Amino acid sequence: VAKFRQGGRFPVLSYYHRKNGMVIMRSSQPLTGANGKRCKED
């Protein structure tokens, strides 16, 4: 996934909301390119 995200910034946990278990994550853009490249692991 790191190779599929700019600068290697794959999605990581930023915040866990104890009230309902929802989360905020952060990452860089996916490198899909003009041809719509996919990454199953991402």
PDB file of all heavy atoms in Angstrom:
ATOM      1  N   VAL A   1       0.836  -1.206   0.000  1.00  0.00           N
ATOM      2  CA  VAL A   1       0.000   0.000   0.000  1.00  0.00           C
ATOM      3  C   VAL A   1       0.869   1.254   0.000  1.00  0.00           C
ATOM      4  O   VAL A   1       0.540   2.257  -0.644  1.00  0.00           O
ATOM      5  CB  VAL A   1      -0.953  -0.002   1.213  1.00  0.00           C
ATOM      6  CG1 VAL A   1      -1.746   1.300   1.272  1.00  0.00           C
ATOM      7  CG2 VAL A   1      -1.897  -1.193   1.151  1.00  0.00           C
ATOM      8  N   ALA A   2       1.999   1.208   0.708  1.00  0.00           N
ATOM      9  CA  ALA A   2       2.903   2.363   0.771  1.00  0.00           C
ATOM     10  C   ALA A   2       3.391   2.753  -0.625  1.00  0.00           C
ATOM     11  O   ALA A   2       3.580   3.934  -0.925  1.00  0.00           O
ATOM     12  CB  ALA A   2       4.085   2.062   1.677  1.00  0.00           C
ATOM     13  N   LYS A   3       3.582   1.765  -1.488  1.00  0.00           N
ATOM     14  CA  LYS A   3       4.015   2.053  -2.856  1.00  0.00           C
ATOM     15  C   LYS A   3       2.883   2.620  -3.706  1.00  0.00           C
ATOM     16  O   LYS A   3       3.131   3.213  -4.760  1.00  0.00           O
ATOM     17  CB  LYS A   3       4.568   0.784  -3.500  1.00  0.00           C
ATOM     18  CG  LYS A   3       5.840   0.272  -2.836  1.00  0.00           C
ATOM     19  CD  LYS A   3       6.324  -1.012  -3.486  1.00  0.00           C
ATOM     20  CE  LYS A   3       7.585  -1.520  -2.796  1.00  0.00           C
ATOM     21  NZ  LYS A   3       8.066  -2.801  -3.390  1.00  0.00           N
ATOM     22  N   PHE A   4       1.653   2.434  -3.229  1.00  0.00           N
ATOM     23  CA  PHE A   4       0.472   2.917  -3.949  1.00  0.00           C
ATOM     24  C   PHE A   4       0.028   4.300  -3.477  1.00  0.00           C
ATOM     25  O   PHE A   4      -0.818   4.928  -4.099  1.00  0.00           O
ATOM     26  CB  PHE A   4      -0.670   1.906  -3.765  1.00  0.00           C
ATOM     27  CG  PHE A   4      -1.938   2.242  -4.502  1.00  0.00           C
ATOM     28  CD1 PHE A   4      -1.989   2.246  -5.890  1.00  0.00           C
ATOM     29  CD2 PHE A   4      -3.101   2.570  -3.801  1.00  0.00           C
ATOM     30  CE1 PHE A   4      -3.167   2.558  -6.561  1.00  0.00           C
ATOM     31  CE2 PHE A   4      -4.279   2.875  -4.466  1.00  0.00           C
ATOM     32  CZ  PHE A   4      -4.313   2.866  -5.844  1.00  0.00           C
ATOM     33  N   ARG A   5       0.587   4.772  -2.369  1.00  0.00           N
ATOM     34  CA  ARG A   5       0.249   6.085  -1.825  1.00  0.00           C
ATOM     35  C   ARG A   5       1.456   7.012  -1.945  1.00  0.00           C
ATOM     36  O   ARG A   5       2.590   6.606  -1.718  1.00  0.00           O
ATOM     37  CB  ARG A   5      -0.172   5.967  -0.356  1.00  0.00           C
ATOM     38  CG  ARG A   5      -1.472   5.187  -0.130  1.00  0.00           C
ATOM     39  CD  ARG A   5      -2.680   6.078  -0.282  1.00  0.00           C
ATOM     40  NE  ARG A   5      -3.937   5.323  -0.184  1.00  0.00           N
ATOM     41  CZ  ARG A   5      -5.140   5.893  -0.142  1.00  0.00           C
ATOM     42  NH1 ARG A   5      -5.253   7.212  -0.209  1.00  0.00           N
ATOM     43  NH2 ARG A   5      -6.230   5.157  -0.072  1.00  0.00           N
ATOM     44  N   GLN A   6       1.212   8.264  -2.302  1.00  0.00           N
ATOM     45  CA  GLN A   6       2.308   9.211  -2.515  1.00  0.00           C
ATOM     46  C   GLN A   6       3.173   9.344  -1.267  1.00  0.00           C
ATOM     47  O   GLN A   6       2.663   9.509  -0.164  1.00  0.00           O
ATOM     48  CB  GLN A   6       1.766  10.586  -2.912  1.00  0.00           C
ATOM     49  CG  GLN A   6       2.880  11.603  -3.196  1.00  0.00           C
ATOM     50  CD  GLN A   6       2.349  12.874  -3.817  1.00  0.00           C
ATOM     51  OE1 GLN A   6       1.307  12.894  -4.449  1.00  0.00           O
ATOM     52  NE2 GLN A   6       3.076  13.964  -3.644  1.00  0.00           N
ATOM     53  N   GLY A   7       4.484   9.262  -1.471  1.00  0.00           N
ATOM     54  CA  GLY A   7       5.415   9.410  -0.359  1.00  0.00           C
ATOM     55  C   GLY A   7       5.377   8.264   0.633  1.00  0.00           C
ATOM     56  O   GLY A   7       5.967   8.348   1.712  1.00  0.00           O
ATOM     57  N   GLY A   8       4.666   7.182   0.282  1.00  0.00           N
ATOM     58  CA  GLY A   8       4.576   6.037   1.184  1.00  0.00           C
ATOM     59  C   GLY A   8       3.628   6.213   2.344  1.00  0.00           C
ATOM     60  O   GLY A   8       3.580   5.383   3.252  1.00  0.00           O
ATOM     61  N   ARG A   9       2.828   7.284   2.316  1.00  0.00           N
ATOM     62  CA  ARG A   9       1.963   7.584   3.467  1.00  0.00           C
ATOM     63  C   ARG A   9       0.654   6.786   3.359  1.00  0.00           C
ATOM     64  O   ARG A   9      -0.387   7.311   2.949  1.00  0.00           O
ATOM     65  CB  ARG A   9       1.709   9.090   3.551  1.00  0.00           C
ATOM     66  CG  ARG A   9       2.990   9.891   3.820  1.00  0.00           C
ATOM     67  CD  ARG A   9       2.714  11.383   3.953  1.00  0.00           C
ATOM     68  NE  ARG A   9       1.953  11.698   5.136  1.00  0.00           N
ATOM     69  CZ  ARG A   9       2.478  11.916   6.347  1.00  0.00           C
ATOM     70  NH1 ARG A   9       3.791  11.828   6.532  1.00  0.00           N
ATOM     71  NH2 ARG A   9       1.722  12.219   7.370  1.00  0.00           N
ATOM     72  N   PHE A  10       0.720   5.522   3.740  1.00  0.00           N
ATOM     73  CA  PHE A  10      -0.448   4.643   3.729  1.00  0.00           C
ATOM     74  C   PHE A  10      -1.410   5.033   4.861  1.00  0.00           C
ATOM     75  O   PHE A  10      -1.008   5.707   5.819  1.00  0.00           O
ATOM     76  CB  PHE A  10      -0.013   3.184   3.859  1.00  0.00           C
ATOM     77  CG  PHE A  10       0.864   2.894   5.053  1.00  0.00           C
ATOM     78  CD1 PHE A  10       0.314   2.567   6.286  1.00  0.00           C
ATOM     79  CD2 PHE A  10       2.251   2.934   4.935  1.00  0.00           C
ATOM     80  CE1 PHE A  10       1.111   2.297   7.387  1.00  0.00           C
ATOM     81  CE2 PHE A  10       3.064   2.668   6.035  1.00  0.00           C
ATOM     82  CZ  PHE A  10       2.497   2.349   7.262  1.00  0.00           C
ATOM     83  N   PRO A  11      -2.681   4.641   4.794  1.00  0.00           N
ATOM     84  CA  PRO A  11      -3.664   5.041   5.811  1.00  0.00           C
ATOM     85  C   PRO A  11      -3.301   4.520   7.203  1.00  0.00           C
ATOM     86  O   PRO A  11      -3.050   3.327   7.388  1.00  0.00           O
ATOM     87  CB  PRO A  11      -4.968   4.410   5.319  1.00  0.00           C
ATOM     88  CG  PRO A  11      -4.774   4.238   3.853  1.00  0.00           C
ATOM     89  CD  PRO A  11      -3.329   3.912   3.678  1.00  0.00           C
ATOM     90  N   VAL A  12      -3.258   5.431   8.182  1.00  0.00           N
ATOM     91  CA  VAL A  12      -2.989   5.072   9.576  1.00  0.00           C
ATOM     92  C   VAL A  12      -4.037   5.720  10.473  1.00  0.00           C
ATOM     93  O   VAL A  12      -4.694   6.697  10.089  1.00  0.00           O
ATOM     94  CB  VAL A  12      -1.573   5.510  10.026  1.00  0.00           C
ATOM     95  CG1 VAL A  12      -0.503   4.790   9.239  1.00  0.00           C
ATOM     96  CG2 VAL A  12      -1.407   7.027   9.891  1.00  0.00           C
ATOM     97  N   LEU A  13      -4.180   5.165  11.666  1.00  0.00           N
ATOM     98  CA  LEU A  13      -5.163   5.692  12.609  1.00  0.00           C
ATOM     99  C   LEU A  13      -4.702   7.027  13.169  1.00  0.00           C
ATOM    100  O   LEU A  13      -3.551   7.191  13.571  1.00  0.00           O
ATOM    101  CB  LEU A  13      -5.375   4.706  13.759  1.00  0.00           C
ATOM    102  CG  LEU A  13      -6.406   5.140  14.812  1.00  0.00           C
ATOM    103  CD1 LEU A  13      -7.820   5.092  14.244  1.00  0.00           C
ATOM    104  CD2 LEU A  13      -6.306   4.264  16.062  1.00  0.00           C
ATOM    105  N   SER A  14      -5.618   7.989  13.199  1.00  0.00           N
ATOM    106  CA  SER A  14      -5.347   9.285  13.788  1.00  0.00           C
ATOM    107  C   SER A  14      -6.143   9.480  15.080  1.00  0.00           C
ATOM    108  O   SER A  14      -5.630   9.997  16.070  1.00  0.00           O
ATOM    109  CB  SER A  14      -5.699  10.400  12.788  1.00  0.00           C
ATOM    110  OG  SER A  14      -5.474  11.666  13.346  1.00  0.00           O
ATOM    111  N   TYR A  15      -7.407   9.028  15.078  1.00  0.00           N
ATOM    112  CA  TYR A  15      -8.269   9.250  16.250  1.00  0.00           C
ATOM    113  C   TYR A  15      -9.339   8.169  16.334  1.00  0.00           C
ATOM    114  O   TYR A  15      -9.935   7.794  15.311  1.00  0.00           O
ATOM    115  CB  TYR A  15      -8.930  10.627  16.149  1.00  0.00           C
ATOM    116  CG  TYR A  15      -9.999  10.885  17.196  1.00  0.00           C
ATOM    117  CD1 TYR A  15      -9.670  11.017  18.541  1.00  0.00           C
ATOM    118  CD2 TYR A  15     -11.343  10.990  16.828  1.00  0.00           C
ATOM    119  CE1 TYR A  15     -10.651  11.248  19.496  1.00  0.00           C
ATOM    120  CE2 TYR A  15     -12.332  11.226  17.778  1.00  0.00           C
ATOM    121  CZ  TYR A  15     -11.979  11.349  19.110  1.00  0.00           C
ATOM    122  OH  TYR A  15     -12.953  11.568  20.058  1.00  0.00           O
ATOM    123  N   TYR A  16      -9.563   7.669  17.545  1.00  0.00           N
ATOM    124  CA  TYR A  16     -10.626   6.699  17.819  1.00  0.00           C
ATOM    125  C   TYR A  16     -11.670   7.380  18.700  1.00  0.00           C
ATOM    126  O   TYR A  16     -11.353   7.871  19.779  1.00  0.00           O
ATOM    127  CB  TYR A  16     -10.056   5.468  18.521  1.00  0.00           C
ATOM    128  CG  TYR A  16     -11.101   4.451  18.926  1.00  0.00           C
ATOM    129  CD1 TYR A  16     -11.587   3.515  18.019  1.00  0.00           C
ATOM    130  CD2 TYR A  16     -11.603   4.421  20.227  1.00  0.00           C
ATOM    131  CE1 TYR A  16     -12.542   2.575  18.382  1.00  0.00           C
ATOM    132  CE2 TYR A  16     -12.562   3.490  20.608  1.00  0.00           C
ATOM    133  CZ  TYR A  16     -13.025   2.571  19.684  1.00  0.00           C
ATOM    134  OH  TYR A  16     -13.979   1.648  20.054  1.00  0.00           O
ATOM    135  N   HIS A  17     -12.916   7.407  18.223  1.00  0.00           N
ATOM    136  CA  HIS A  17     -13.996   8.081  18.956  1.00  0.00           C
ATOM    137  C   HIS A  17     -14.642   7.073  19.915  1.00  0.00           C
ATOM    138  O   HIS A  17     -15.359   6.163  19.488  1.00  0.00           O
ATOM    139  CB  HIS A  17     -15.027   8.621  17.957  1.00  0.00           C
ATOM    140  CG  HIS A  17     -15.943   9.659  18.531  1.00  0.00           C
ATOM    141  ND1 HIS A  17     -15.519  10.661  19.381  1.00  0.00           N
ATOM    142  CD2 HIS A  17     -17.289   9.850  18.374  1.00  0.00           C
ATOM    143  CE1 HIS A  17     -16.544  11.430  19.713  1.00  0.00           C
ATOM    144  NE2 HIS A  17     -17.620  10.956  19.131  1.00  0.00           N
ATOM    145  N   ARG A  18     -14.356   7.222  21.192  1.00  0.00           N
ATOM    146  CA  ARG A  18     -14.817   6.256  22.182  1.00  0.00           C
ATOM    147  C   ARG A  18     -16.344   6.172  22.269  1.00  0.00           C
ATOM    148  O   ARG A  18     -16.897   5.143  22.655  1.00  0.00           O
ATOM    149  CB  ARG A  18     -14.240   6.595  23.558  1.00  0.00           C
ATOM    150  CG  ARG A  18     -12.725   6.464  23.629  1.00  0.00           C
ATOM    151  CD  ARG A  18     -12.220   6.542  25.046  1.00  0.00           C
ATOM    152  NE  ARG A  18     -12.381   7.844  25.624  1.00  0.00           N
ATOM    153  CZ  ARG A  18     -11.465   8.805  25.597  1.00  0.00           C
ATOM    154  NH1 ARG A  18     -10.311   8.577  24.977  1.00  0.00           N
ATOM    155  NH2 ARG A  18     -11.686   9.974  26.158  1.00  0.00           N
ATOM    156  N   LYS A  19     -17.019   7.237  21.896  1.00  0.00           N
ATOM    157  CA  LYS A  19     -18.477   7.274  21.993  1.00  0.00           C
ATOM    158  C   LYS A  19     -19.143   6.220  21.108  1.00  0.00           C
ATOM    159  O   LYS A  19     -20.119   5.580  21.512  1.00  0.00           O
ATOM    160  CB  LYS A  19     -18.969   8.675  21.611  1.00  0.00           C
ATOM    161  CG  LYS A  19     -20.476   8.844  21.583  1.00  0.00           C
ATOM    162  CD  LYS A  19     -20.846  10.256  21.168  1.00  0.00           C
ATOM    163  CE  LYS A  19     -22.352  10.414  20.990  1.00  0.00           C
ATOM    164  NZ  LYS A  19     -22.700  11.790  20.533  1.00  0.00           N
ATOM    165  N   ASN A  20     -18.639   6.014  19.889  1.00  0.00           N
ATOM    166  CA  ASN A  20     -19.297   5.075  18.972  1.00  0.00           C
ATOM    167  C   ASN A  20     -18.338   4.156  18.211  1.00  0.00           C
ATOM    168  O   ASN A  20     -18.762   3.371  17.362  1.00  0.00           O
ATOM    169  CB  ASN A  20     -20.170   5.839  17.960  1.00  0.00           C
ATOM    170  CG  ASN A  20     -19.381   6.884  17.177  1.00  0.00           C
ATOM    171  OD1 ASN A  20     -18.158   6.804  17.057  1.00  0.00           O
ATOM    172  ND2 ASN A  20     -20.081   7.876  16.637  1.00  0.00           N
ATOM    173  N   GLY A  21     -17.036   4.251  18.498  1.00  0.00           N
ATOM    174  CA  GLY A  21     -16.073   3.369  17.853  1.00  0.00           C
ATOM    175  C   GLY A  21     -15.645   3.777  16.458  1.00  0.00           C
ATOM    176  O   GLY A  21     -14.877   3.061  15.803  1.00  0.00           O
ATOM    177  N   MET A  22     -16.125   4.930  15.971  1.00  0.00           N
ATOM    178  CA  MET A  22     -15.704   5.411  14.650  1.00  0.00           C
ATOM    179  C   MET A  22     -14.289   6.009  14.725  1.00  0.00           C
ATOM    180  O   MET A  22     -13.835   6.399  15.798  1.00  0.00           O
ATOM    181  CB  MET A  22     -16.692   6.454  14.117  1.00  0.00           C
ATOM    182  CG  MET A  22     -18.105   5.924  13.911  1.00  0.00           C
ATOM    183  SD  MET A  22     -18.212   4.595  12.686  1.00  0.00           S
ATOM    184  CE  MET A  22     -18.544   3.182  13.735  1.00  0.00           C
ATOM    185  N   VAL A  23     -13.633   6.107  13.582  1.00  0.00           N
ATOM    186  CA  VAL A  23     -12.244   6.559  13.575  1.00  0.00           C
ATOM    187  C   VAL A  23     -12.003   7.628  12.516  1.00  0.00           C
ATOM    188  O   VAL A  23     -12.773   7.764  11.560  1.00  0.00           O
ATOM    189  CB  VAL A  23     -11.271   5.387  13.324  1.00  0.00           C
ATOM    190  CG1 VAL A  23     -11.405   4.326  14.397  1.00  0.00           C
ATOM    191  CG2 VAL A  23     -11.481   4.777  11.933  1.00  0.00           C
ATOM    192  N   ILE A  24     -10.922   8.376  12.724  1.00  0.00           N
ATOM    193  CA  ILE A  24     -10.389   9.283  11.706  1.00  0.00           C
ATOM    194  C   ILE A  24      -9.020   8.746  11.314  1.00  0.00           C
ATOM    195  O   ILE A  24      -8.178   8.468  12.172  1.00  0.00           O
ATOM    196  CB  ILE A  24     -10.262  10.725  12.227  1.00  0.00           C
ATOM    197  CG1 ILE A  24     -11.640  11.300  12.573  1.00  0.00           C
ATOM    198  CG2 ILE A  24      -9.574  11.616  11.184  1.00  0.00           C
ATOM    199  CD1 ILE A  24     -11.588  12.701  13.173  1.00  0.00           C
ATOM    200  N   MET A  25      -8.813   8.581  10.007  1.00  0.00           N
ATOM    201  CA  MET A  25      -7.531   8.129   9.484  1.00  0.00           C
ATOM    202  C   MET A  25      -6.950   9.207   8.571  1.00  0.00           C
ATOM    203  O   MET A  25      -7.677  10.095   8.120  1.00  0.00           O
ATOM    204  CB  MET A  25      -7.700   6.821   8.711  1.00  0.00           C
ATOM    205  CG  MET A  25      -8.292   5.688   9.515  1.00  0.00           C
ATOM    206  SD  MET A  25      -8.542   4.209   8.520  1.00  0.00           S
ATOM    207  CE  MET A  25      -6.849   3.721   8.230  1.00  0.00           C
ATOM    208  N   ARG A  26      -5.651   9.103   8.312  1.00  0.00           N
ATOM    209  CA  ARG A  26      -5.020  10.050   7.391  1.00  0.00           C
ATOM    210  C   ARG A  26      -4.053   9.309   6.487  1.00  0.00           C
ATOM    211  O   ARG A  26      -3.508   8.264   6.850  1.00  0.00           O
ATOM    212  CB  ARG A  26      -4.318  11.180   8.135  1.00  0.00           C
ATOM    213  CG  ARG A  26      -3.426  10.752   9.262  1.00  0.00           C
ATOM    214  CD  ARG A  26      -2.719  11.943   9.900  1.00  0.00           C
ATOM    215  NE  ARG A  26      -2.262  11.688  11.244  1.00  0.00           N
ATOM    216  CZ  ARG A  26      -1.205  10.962  11.570  1.00  0.00           C
ATOM    217  NH1 ARG A  26      -0.480  10.412  10.616  1.00  0.00           N
ATOM    218  NH2 ARG A  26      -0.860  10.797  12.833  1.00  0.00           N
ATOM    219  N   SER A  27      -3.857   9.864   5.301  1.00  0.00           N
ATOM    220  CA  SER A  27      -2.940   9.268   4.324  1.00  0.00           C
ATOM    221  C   SER A  27      -2.628  10.310   3.265  1.00  0.00           C
ATOM    222  O   SER A  27      -3.079  11.457   3.350  1.00  0.00           O
ATOM    223  CB  SER A  27      -3.578   8.031   3.677  1.00  0.00           C
ATOM    224  OG  SER A  27      -4.603   8.424   2.769  1.00  0.00           O
ATOM    225  N   SER A  28      -1.879   9.905   2.260  1.00  0.00           N
ATOM    226  CA  SER A  28      -1.680  10.744   1.070  1.00  0.00           C
ATOM    227  C   SER A  28      -2.588  10.210  -0.038  1.00  0.00           C
ATOM    228  O   SER A  28      -3.325   9.245   0.154  1.00  0.00           O
ATOM    229  CB  SER A  28      -0.215  10.692   0.635  1.00  0.00           C
ATOM    230  OG  SER A  28       0.158   9.349   0.348  1.00  0.00           O
ATOM    231  N   GLN A  29      -2.538  10.838  -1.212  1.00  0.00           N
ATOM    232  CA  GLN A  29      -3.391  10.422  -2.327  1.00  0.00           C
ATOM    233  C   GLN A  29      -2.961   9.066  -2.885  1.00  0.00           C
ATOM    234  O   GLN A  29      -1.779   8.707  -2.843  1.00  0.00           O
ATOM    235  CB  GLN A  29      -3.344  11.464  -3.444  1.00  0.00           C
ATOM    236  CG  GLN A  29      -1.982  11.563  -4.136  1.00  0.00           C
ATOM    237  CD  GLN A  29      -1.982  12.470  -5.332  1.00  0.00           C
ATOM    238  OE1 GLN A  29      -3.015  12.734  -5.927  1.00  0.00           O
ATOM    239  NE2 GLN A  29      -0.805  12.964  -5.719  1.00  0.00           N
ATOM    240  N   PRO A  30      -3.921   8.290  -3.412  1.00  0.00           N
ATOM    241  CA  PRO A  30      -3.559   7.039  -4.088  1.00  0.00           C
ATOM    242  C   PRO A  30      -3.000   7.341  -5.474  1.00  0.00           C
ATOM    243  O   PRO A  30      -3.445   8.271  -6.144  1.00  0.00           O
ATOM    244  CB  PRO A  30      -4.897   6.294  -4.178  1.00  0.00           C
ATOM    245  CG  PRO A  30      -5.924   7.381  -4.227  1.00  0.00           C
ATOM    246  CD  PRO A  30      -5.380   8.490  -3.366  1.00  0.00           C
ATOM    247  N   LEU A  31      -2.038   6.555  -5.907  1.00  0.00           N
ATOM    248  CA  LEU A  31      -1.396   6.777  -7.207  1.00  0.00           C
ATOM    249  C   LEU A  31      -2.114   5.966  -8.284  1.00  0.00           C
ATOM    250  O   LEU A  31      -1.555   5.040  -8.891  1.00  0.00           O
ATOM    251  CB  LEU A  31       0.086   6.414  -7.116  1.00  0.00           C
ATOM    252  CG  LEU A  31       0.889   7.171  -6.048  1.00  0.00           C
ATOM    253  CD1 LEU A  31       2.335   6.690  -6.008  1.00  0.00           C
ATOM    254  CD2 LEU A  31       0.831   8.681  -6.292  1.00  0.00           C
ATOM    255  N   THR A  32      -3.361   6.316  -8.530  1.00  0.00           N
ATOM    256  CA  THR A  32      -4.162   5.590  -9.521  1.00  0.00           C
ATOM    257  C   THR A  32      -3.760   5.947 -10.943  1.00  0.00           C
ATOM    258  O   THR A  32      -3.837   5.117 -11.853  1.00  0.00           O
ATOM    259  CB  THR A  32      -5.658   5.897  -9.329  1.00  0.00           C
ATOM    260  OG1 THR A  32      -5.866   7.316  -9.458  1.00  0.00           O
ATOM    261  CG2 THR A  32      -6.135   5.438  -7.965  1.00  0.00           C
ATOM    262  N   GLY A  33      -3.339   7.203 -11.154  1.00  0.00           N
ATOM    263  CA  GLY A  33      -2.933   7.632 -12.477  1.00  0.00           C
ATOM    264  C   GLY A  33      -4.101   7.741 -13.441  1.00  0.00           C
ATOM    265  O   GLY A  33      -5.256   7.460 -13.092  1.00  0.00           O
ATOM    266  N   ALA A  34      -3.811   8.133 -14.665  1.00  0.00           N
ATOM    267  CA  ALA A  34      -4.851   8.344 -15.676  1.00  0.00           C
ATOM    268  C   ALA A  34      -5.551   7.042 -16.071  1.00  0.00           C
ATOM    269  O   ALA A  34      -6.695   7.058 -16.532  1.00  0.00           O
ATOM    270  CB  ALA A  34      -4.238   9.008 -16.910  1.00  0.00           C
ATOM    271  N   ASN A  35      -4.881   5.912 -15.871  1.00  0.00           N
ATOM    272  CA  ASN A  35      -5.460   4.617 -16.276  1.00  0.00           C
ATOM    273  C   ASN A  35      -6.260   3.939 -15.172  1.00  0.00           C
ATOM    274  O   ASN A  35      -6.742   2.824 -15.346  1.00  0.00           O
ATOM    275  CB  ASN A  35      -4.339   3.676 -16.744  1.00  0.00           C
ATOM    276  CG  ASN A  35      -3.629   4.193 -17.983  1.00  0.00           C
ATOM    277  OD1 ASN A  35      -4.262   4.800 -18.841  1.00  0.00           O
ATOM    278  ND2 ASN A  35      -2.329   3.962 -18.054  1.00  0.00           N
ATOM    279  N   GLY A  36      -6.376   4.600 -14.010  1.00  0.00           N
ATOM    280  CA  GLY A  36      -7.177   4.035 -12.934  1.00  0.00           C
ATOM    281  C   GLY A  36      -6.568   2.802 -12.294  1.00  0.00           C
ATOM    282  O   GLY A  36      -7.249   1.800 -12.046  1.00  0.00           O
ATOM    283  N   LYS A  37      -5.280   2.854 -12.005  1.00  0.00           N
ATOM    284  CA  LYS A  37      -4.584   1.732 -11.369  1.00  0.00           C
ATOM    285  C   LYS A  37      -5.223   1.384 -10.030  1.00  0.00           C
ATOM    286  O   LYS A  37      -5.636   2.255  -9.280  1.00  0.00           O
ATOM    287  CB  LYS A  37      -3.107   2.094 -11.184  1.00  0.00           C
ATOM    288  CG  LYS A  37      -2.271   1.016 -10.532  1.00  0.00           C
ATOM    289  CD  LYS A  37      -0.849   1.508 -10.330  1.00  0.00           C
ATOM    290  CE  LYS A  37      -0.010   0.480  -9.572  1.00  0.00           C
ATOM    291  NZ  LYS A  37       1.362   0.979  -9.312  1.00  0.00           N
ATOM    292  N   ARG A  38      -5.290   0.082  -9.724  1.00  0.00           N
ATOM    293  CA  ARG A  38      -5.888  -0.373  -8.470  1.00  0.00           C
ATOM    294  C   ARG A  38      -4.847  -1.021  -7.560  1.00  0.00           C
ATOM    295  O   ARG A  38      -3.789  -1.466  -8.020  1.00  0.00           O
ATOM    296  CB  ARG A  38      -7.013  -1.378  -8.739  1.00  0.00           C
ATOM    297  CG  ARG A  38      -8.202  -0.821  -9.456  1.00  0.00           C
ATOM    298  CD  ARG A  38      -9.248  -1.887  -9.707  1.00  0.00           C
ATOM    299  NE  ARG A  38      -9.773  -2.463  -8.453  1.00  0.00           N
ATOM    300  CZ  ARG A  38     -10.710  -3.398  -8.418  1.00  0.00           C
ATOM    301  NH1 ARG A  38     -11.216  -3.878  -9.549  1.00  0.00           N
ATOM    302  NH2 ARG A  38     -11.137  -3.872  -7.256  1.00  0.00           N
ATOM    303  N   CYS A  39      -5.190  -1.075  -6.271  1.00  0.00           N
ATOM    304  CA  CYS A  39      -4.356  -1.781  -5.302  1.00  0.00           C
ATOM    305  C   CYS A  39      -5.294  -2.515  -4.358  1.00  0.00           C
ATOM    306  O   CYS A  39      -5.980  -1.890  -3.538  1.00  0.00           O
ATOM    307  CB  CYS A  39      -3.460  -0.807  -4.530  1.00  0.00           C
ATOM    308  SG  CYS A  39      -2.469  -1.591  -3.233  1.00  0.00           S
ATOM    309  N   LYS A  40      -5.340  -3.822  -4.482  1.00  0.00           N
ATOM    310  CA  LYS A  40      -6.261  -4.638  -3.696  1.00  0.00           C
ATOM    311  C   LYS A  40      -6.016  -4.456  -2.200  1.00  0.00           C
ATOM    312  O   LYS A  40      -6.951  -4.383  -1.397  1.00  0.00           O
ATOM    313  CB  LYS A  40      -6.078  -6.114  -4.076  1.00  0.00           C
ATOM    314  CG  LYS A  40      -7.002  -7.076  -3.352  1.00  0.00           C
ATOM    315  CD  LYS A  40      -8.461  -6.869  -3.761  1.00  0.00           C
ATOM    316  CE  LYS A  40      -9.335  -8.051  -3.305  1.00  0.00           C
ATOM    317  NZ  LYS A  40      -9.285  -8.321  -1.871  1.00  0.00           N
ATOM    318  N   GLU A  41      -4.753  -4.379  -1.802  1.00  0.00           N
ATOM    319  CA  GLU A  41      -4.420  -4.236  -0.384  1.00  0.00           C
ATOM    320  C   GLU A  41      -4.908  -2.899   0.167  1.00  0.00           C
ATOM    321  O   GLU A  41      -5.358  -2.818   1.323  1.00  0.00           O
ATOM    322  CB  GLU A  41      -2.909  -4.362  -0.178  1.00  0.00           C
ATOM    323  CG  GLU A  41      -2.358  -5.753  -0.399  1.00  0.00           C
ATOM    324  CD  GLU A  41      -2.198  -6.120  -1.867  1.00  0.00           C
ATOM    325  OE1 GLU A  41      -2.429  -5.236  -2.730  1.00  0.00           O
ATOM    326  OE2 GLU A  41      -1.831  -7.269  -2.163  1.00  0.00           O
ATOM    327  N   ASP A  42      -4.840  -1.848  -0.641  1.00  0.00           N
ATOM    328  CA  ASP A  42      -5.346  -0.544  -0.216  1.00  0.00           C
ATOM    329  C   ASP A  42      -6.861  -0.590  -0.038  1.00  0.00           C
ATOM    330  O   ASP A  42      -7.407  -0.047   0.937  1.00  0.00           O
ATOM    331  CB  ASP A  42      -4.967   0.521  -1.253  1.00  0.00           C
ATOM    332  CG  ASP A  42      -5.238   1.938  -0.757  1.00  0.00           C
ATOM    333  OD1 ASP A  42      -4.435   2.449   0.043  1.00  0.00           O
ATOM    334  OD2 ASP A  42      -6.269   2.526  -1.151  1.00  0.00           O
TER     335      ASP A  42
END
